[in-house]
């Protein structure tokens, strides 16, 4: 008489087989989903640049405080103890508006219209909305809505409109107000700054002294290394966020603050390389650069180099 197979006759073994098979199938499905999700976000060689995802929007570790370009520029412009920018700095306003456009470009939200025979230059082409999806940041989403409502202006014009630099009262609706204060409050929420009240004889002013010096030092180190130890001598090979940060800090008249701790020798070398960057031709460089948002970045750079 043949011996019965306990695996087939015992219901408990049968249930275990089903459970094991289901577990294996579940793990295989999870592994496939993991691979599929990584195929979407990774930059492969044959993937079009327009489909790339900006690294800022992918939270990898979550350990470090991530700052956008506006926050980094303002952080360099603020006095650590006093908590306000220099009263003589009238450049930072337009510089921060340039940050808005660069951020939207790097995040794939806006692009330049296609070049034509009449409009080949970066500064002569209009800014168009490529992806109207919100970024999750109020100032950027406000800028995106304004650009979407009137896609008729160039990068240069949008920087002026968002700053309120216009003689036409009808265009004042495009101005984004209280930008410095709102960016500072974002930095307060991130634990980088704090809020205080200071008396200036005739009036009281809200200030935002520095509380997390590590965050600011990280920005300073990033700029210093980009023109010293990590200098690549080719703008198209530089990280687009770092390249944008250097130009936007220069346009906002706060770049010197990033070099104040350097030795005389390193300072001279850093400034020499910054001058080399300032002498480049944005239109020519943009033709060699196919990364996400590169045309918008070079258009903003071109607008500030004029």
Protein backbone atom coordinates (compact mmCIF):
# COMPACT_ATOMS: atom_id res chain seq x y z
CA UNK A 1 0.00 0.00 0.00
CA UNK A 2 1.41 3.34 -1.06
CA UNK A 3 2.19 5.79 1.72
CA UNK A 4 0.08 8.94 1.64
CA UNK A 5 1.87 12.19 0.94
CA UNK A 6 1.36 14.33 4.07
CA UNK A 7 1.93 17.53 2.11
CA UNK A 8 -1.08 16.85 -0.10
CA UNK A 9 -3.39 15.20 2.46
CA UNK A 10 -2.93 17.51 5.45
CA UNK A 11 -4.86 20.79 5.11
CA UNK A 12 -2.29 22.61 7.26
CA UNK A 13 0.51 21.82 4.81
CA UNK A 14 -1.72 22.86 1.92
CA UNK A 15 -2.43 26.21 3.59
CA UNK A 16 1.30 26.70 4.21
CA UNK A 17 2.00 26.13 0.51
CA UNK A 18 -0.57 28.76 -0.45
CA UNK A 19 0.83 31.18 2.13
CA UNK A 20 4.41 30.60 0.95
CA UNK A 21 3.44 31.03 -2.69
CA UNK A 22 1.54 34.21 -1.89
CA UNK A 23 4.51 35.59 0.04
CA UNK A 24 6.91 34.84 -2.82
CA UNK A 25 4.54 36.44 -5.31
CA UNK A 26 4.10 39.49 -3.07
CA UNK A 27 7.87 39.95 -2.71
CA UNK A 28 8.39 39.56 -6.45
CA UNK A 29 5.70 42.17 -7.13
CA UNK A 30 7.27 44.54 -4.61
CA UNK A 31 10.70 44.08 -6.19
CA UNK A 32 9.27 44.76 -9.64
CA UNK A 33 7.51 47.89 -8.38
CA UNK A 34 10.74 49.09 -6.75
CA UNK A 35 12.65 48.62 -10.01
CA UNK A 36 9.92 50.33 -12.02
CA UNK A 37 9.88 53.33 -9.69
CA UNK A 38 13.66 53.68 -9.96
CA UNK A 39 13.51 53.48 -13.75
CA UNK A 40 11.30 56.57 -13.67
CA UNK A 41 13.54 58.71 -11.49
CA UNK A 42 17.02 57.63 -12.57
CA UNK A 43 18.73 59.49 -15.39
CA UNK A 44 19.61 56.93 -18.02
CA UNK A 45 21.77 57.77 -21.01
CA UNK A 46 18.95 57.27 -23.53
CA UNK A 47 16.30 59.11 -21.51
CA UNK A 48 15.25 62.52 -22.88
CA UNK A 49 16.38 65.46 -20.78
CA UNK A 50 12.79 66.74 -20.66
CA UNK A 51 11.77 63.64 -18.65
CA UNK A 52 14.43 64.00 -15.99
CA UNK A 53 13.37 64.82 -12.45
CA UNK A 54 15.09 67.60 -10.54
CA UNK A 55 17.10 66.08 -7.70
CA UNK A 56 15.82 68.74 -5.27
CA UNK A 57 12.34 67.20 -5.45
CA UNK A 58 13.61 63.71 -4.57
CA UNK A 59 14.12 63.40 -0.81
CA UNK A 60 16.94 60.90 -0.39
CA UNK A 61 18.11 60.96 3.22
CA UNK A 62 15.95 63.55 4.93
CA UNK A 63 18.79 64.17 7.43
CA UNK A 64 19.98 67.54 6.14
CA UNK A 65 17.89 70.68 5.88
CA UNK A 66 17.30 71.27 2.19
CA UNK A 67 17.30 74.90 1.11
CA UNK A 68 16.08 76.23 -2.21
CA UNK A 69 17.95 78.91 -4.15
CA UNK A 70 15.96 81.80 -2.66
CA UNK A 71 16.70 80.65 0.87
CA UNK A 72 20.40 80.16 0.16
CA UNK A 73 20.78 83.61 -1.40
CA UNK A 74 18.90 85.33 1.43
CA UNK A 75 20.87 83.38 4.03
CA UNK A 76 24.12 84.70 2.57
CA UNK A 77 22.72 88.23 2.51
CA UNK A 78 21.51 88.27 6.13
CA UNK A 79 23.79 89.47 8.91
CA UNK A 80 24.17 86.60 11.37
CA UNK A 81 23.50 88.47 14.62
CA UNK A 82 21.44 91.41 13.39
CA UNK A 83 19.16 89.26 11.24
CA UNK A 84 18.57 91.68 8.35
CA UNK A 85 20.14 92.46 4.98
CA UNK A 86 22.25 95.53 4.30
CA UNK A 87 20.20 98.70 3.83
CA UNK A 88 22.48 99.59 0.90
CA UNK A 89 21.79 96.38 -1.02
CA UNK A 90 19.24 97.24 -3.71
CA UNK A 91 20.14 94.24 -5.90
CA UNK A 92 18.83 91.38 -3.79
CA UNK A 93 15.20 92.07 -4.69
CA UNK A 94 15.66 91.31 -8.40
CA UNK A 95 18.11 88.51 -7.56
CA UNK A 96 15.49 86.68 -5.52
CA UNK A 97 12.98 86.99 -8.38
CA UNK A 98 15.58 85.45 -10.65
CA UNK A 99 15.75 82.57 -8.16
CA UNK A 100 12.02 81.97 -8.67
CA UNK A 101 12.43 81.51 -12.41
CA UNK A 102 15.53 79.32 -12.11
CA UNK A 103 13.81 77.09 -9.53
CA UNK A 104 10.77 76.69 -11.78
CA UNK A 105 13.04 75.86 -14.70
CA UNK A 106 15.08 73.28 -12.77
CA UNK A 107 11.88 71.65 -11.52
CA UNK A 108 10.53 71.34 -15.04
CA UNK A 109 7.65 73.78 -14.53
CA UNK A 110 8.63 76.43 -17.11
CA UNK A 111 10.61 76.50 -20.34
CA UNK A 112 11.53 78.92 -23.11
CA UNK A 113 9.60 79.00 -26.35
CA UNK A 114 11.28 77.32 -29.29
CA UNK A 115 13.95 79.32 -31.06
CA UNK A 116 12.94 80.83 -34.39
CA UNK A 117 14.71 82.83 -37.07
CA UNK A 118 13.58 86.06 -35.41
CA UNK A 119 13.98 84.90 -31.81
CA UNK A 120 17.18 82.96 -31.40
CA UNK A 121 18.65 84.64 -28.35
CA UNK A 122 17.77 83.43 -24.86
CA UNK A 123 16.63 86.86 -23.68
CA UNK A 124 14.30 87.38 -26.65
CA UNK A 125 12.26 84.20 -26.13
CA UNK A 126 9.14 84.08 -23.96
CA UNK A 127 8.76 81.99 -20.81
CA UNK A 128 6.08 79.29 -21.14
CA UNK A 129 4.54 76.97 -18.56
CA UNK A 130 5.62 73.40 -19.24
CA UNK A 131 4.02 71.70 -16.24
CA UNK A 132 1.41 73.57 -14.13
CA UNK A 133 1.61 71.10 -11.23
CA UNK A 134 2.20 72.87 -7.88
CA UNK A 135 5.67 72.65 -6.38
CA UNK A 136 4.42 72.75 -2.80
CA UNK A 137 6.22 76.06 -2.15
CA UNK A 138 3.96 79.10 -1.95
CA UNK A 139 6.27 81.65 -3.57
CA UNK A 140 7.09 79.36 -6.48
CA UNK A 141 3.44 78.45 -7.00
CA UNK A 142 2.47 82.14 -7.01
CA UNK A 143 5.12 82.83 -9.65
CA UNK A 144 3.95 79.85 -11.71
CA UNK A 145 0.34 81.07 -11.68
CA UNK A 146 1.38 84.56 -12.76
CA UNK A 147 3.50 83.24 -15.63
CA UNK A 148 0.66 80.98 -16.72
CA UNK A 149 -1.80 83.89 -16.68
CA UNK A 150 0.30 85.97 -19.07
CA UNK A 151 2.81 83.91 -21.09
CA UNK A 152 3.89 86.89 -23.17
CA UNK A 153 7.10 88.03 -21.53
CA UNK A 154 10.78 87.18 -21.57
CA UNK A 155 12.90 86.22 -18.57
CA UNK A 156 14.17 89.79 -18.21
CA UNK A 157 10.63 91.18 -18.20
CA UNK A 158 9.40 88.61 -15.68
CA UNK A 159 12.19 89.46 -13.25
CA UNK A 160 11.15 93.11 -13.45
CA UNK A 161 7.43 92.36 -13.21
CA UNK A 162 7.78 90.05 -10.21
CA UNK A 163 9.92 92.75 -8.55
CA UNK A 164 7.33 95.46 -9.23
CA UNK A 165 9.78 97.45 -11.37
CA UNK A 166 7.31 98.81 -13.89
CA UNK A 167 5.88 102.17 -14.90
CA UNK A 168 2.59 100.60 -15.96
CA UNK A 169 0.12 100.48 -13.01
CA UNK A 170 -1.71 97.60 -14.69
CA UNK A 171 1.40 95.43 -14.35
CA UNK A 172 1.63 95.88 -10.58
CA UNK A 173 -0.64 92.84 -10.22
CA UNK A 174 2.35 90.70 -11.19
CA UNK A 175 4.45 91.90 -8.26
CA UNK A 176 5.11 89.38 -5.49
CA UNK A 177 5.31 91.32 -2.23
CA UNK A 178 7.13 90.81 1.08
CA UNK A 179 9.46 88.28 -0.50
CA UNK A 180 12.37 88.63 1.93
CA UNK A 181 10.12 88.37 4.97
CA UNK A 182 8.32 85.32 3.61
CA UNK A 183 11.56 83.54 2.72
CA UNK A 184 12.93 84.36 6.18
CA UNK A 185 9.81 82.85 7.77
CA UNK A 186 10.41 79.67 5.77
CA UNK A 187 13.93 79.56 7.21
CA UNK A 188 12.47 80.09 10.69
CA UNK A 189 10.16 77.11 10.12
CA UNK A 190 13.18 75.04 9.10
CA UNK A 191 15.02 76.02 12.29
CA UNK A 192 17.74 78.00 10.53
CA UNK A 193 16.66 81.47 11.72
CA UNK A 194 14.69 82.86 14.64
CA UNK A 195 12.41 85.89 14.94
CA UNK A 196 13.10 88.97 17.06
CA UNK A 197 12.02 92.61 17.30
CA UNK A 198 14.62 95.36 17.16
CA UNK A 199 14.13 99.06 17.83
CA UNK A 200 15.61 101.48 15.30
CA UNK A 201 14.83 104.74 17.17
CA UNK A 202 11.88 105.74 15.00
CA UNK A 203 10.39 102.32 14.34
CA UNK A 204 10.47 98.66 15.33
CA UNK A 205 11.56 96.08 12.79
CA UNK A 206 11.19 92.31 12.72
CA UNK A 207 14.59 90.66 12.33
CA UNK A 208 15.68 87.06 11.84
CA UNK A 209 19.06 86.28 13.46
CA UNK A 210 20.88 83.07 12.55
CA UNK A 211 20.41 80.10 14.89
CA UNK A 212 21.72 77.19 12.79
CA UNK A 213 25.19 78.20 11.62
CA UNK A 214 25.73 74.73 10.12
CA UNK A 215 23.14 75.36 7.41
CA UNK A 216 24.81 78.61 6.37
CA UNK A 217 28.29 77.09 6.47
CA UNK A 218 27.05 74.33 4.18
CA UNK A 219 26.01 76.94 1.60
CA UNK A 220 29.31 78.81 1.97
CA UNK A 221 31.31 75.59 1.62
CA UNK A 222 29.37 74.58 -1.49
CA UNK A 223 30.20 77.86 -3.23
CA UNK A 224 33.84 77.88 -2.12
CA UNK A 225 34.47 74.30 -3.24
CA UNK A 226 32.83 74.91 -6.62
CA UNK A 227 35.46 77.53 -7.52
CA UNK A 228 38.41 75.98 -5.65
CA UNK A 229 38.81 72.26 -4.91
CA UNK A 230 35.97 71.12 -7.20
CA UNK A 231 36.56 73.58 -10.03
CA UNK A 232 35.92 71.91 -13.42
CA UNK A 233 36.70 74.82 -15.78
CA UNK A 234 33.61 74.05 -17.86
CA UNK A 235 30.26 75.64 -16.91
CA UNK A 236 28.24 72.94 -18.68
CA UNK A 237 29.81 70.29 -16.42
CA UNK A 238 29.03 72.16 -13.22
CA UNK A 239 26.01 71.24 -11.13
CA UNK A 240 23.22 73.51 -12.38
CA UNK A 241 22.09 74.47 -8.89
CA UNK A 242 25.59 75.44 -7.83
CA UNK A 243 26.21 77.34 -11.07
CA UNK A 244 22.90 79.17 -10.66
CA UNK A 245 23.68 79.93 -7.03
CA UNK A 246 26.98 81.61 -7.94
CA UNK A 247 25.39 83.84 -10.58
CA UNK A 248 22.35 84.66 -8.45
CA UNK A 249 24.53 85.53 -5.45
CA UNK A 250 26.57 87.80 -7.69
CA UNK A 251 23.41 89.42 -9.08
CA UNK A 252 22.14 89.89 -5.49
CA UNK A 253 25.48 91.40 -4.39
CA UNK A 254 26.03 88.78 -1.65
CA UNK A 255 28.70 86.58 -3.25
CA UNK A 256 31.51 88.33 -1.37
CA UNK A 257 29.99 87.05 1.89
CA UNK A 258 30.74 83.48 0.82
CA UNK A 259 34.45 84.28 0.35
CA UNK A 260 35.04 86.31 3.52
CA UNK A 261 36.64 83.37 5.38
CA UNK A 262 39.12 82.49 2.62
CA UNK A 263 42.82 83.22 2.78
CA UNK A 264 44.14 85.97 0.51
CA UNK A 265 45.52 83.43 -1.96
CA UNK A 266 42.30 81.40 -2.14
CA UNK A 267 40.23 84.57 -2.33
CA UNK A 268 42.15 85.83 -5.36
CA UNK A 269 41.85 82.45 -7.08
CA UNK A 270 38.12 82.20 -6.32
CA UNK A 271 37.42 85.70 -7.62
CA UNK A 272 39.47 85.04 -10.76
CA UNK A 273 37.36 81.98 -11.54
CA UNK A 274 34.14 83.84 -10.80
CA UNK A 275 35.23 86.51 -13.28
CA UNK A 276 35.88 83.76 -15.83
CA UNK A 277 32.29 82.59 -15.33
CA UNK A 278 30.98 86.13 -15.68
CA UNK A 279 32.75 86.46 -19.04
CA UNK A 280 31.10 83.44 -20.65
CA UNK A 281 28.54 83.70 -23.44
CA UNK A 282 25.23 82.21 -22.16
CA UNK A 283 23.73 81.70 -25.63
CA UNK A 284 26.72 79.65 -26.75
CA UNK A 285 26.86 77.65 -23.51
CA UNK A 286 23.15 76.80 -23.66
CA UNK A 287 23.64 75.09 -27.02
CA UNK A 288 26.07 72.64 -25.39
CA UNK A 289 23.83 71.97 -22.37
CA UNK A 290 20.85 69.58 -22.60
CA UNK A 291 20.09 69.08 -18.90
CA UNK A 292 16.68 69.79 -17.38
CA UNK A 293 15.88 73.51 -17.27
CA UNK A 294 19.26 74.50 -18.70
CA UNK A 295 17.82 77.00 -21.19
CA UNK A 296 15.91 78.79 -18.43
CA UNK A 297 19.04 78.86 -16.25
CA UNK A 298 21.17 80.34 -19.02
CA UNK A 299 18.43 82.83 -19.90
CA UNK A 300 18.37 84.13 -16.31
CA UNK A 301 22.17 84.29 -16.29
CA UNK A 302 22.09 86.20 -19.57
CA UNK A 303 19.52 88.65 -18.18
CA UNK A 304 21.74 89.49 -15.21
CA UNK A 305 24.93 89.73 -17.28
CA UNK A 306 23.46 92.40 -19.54
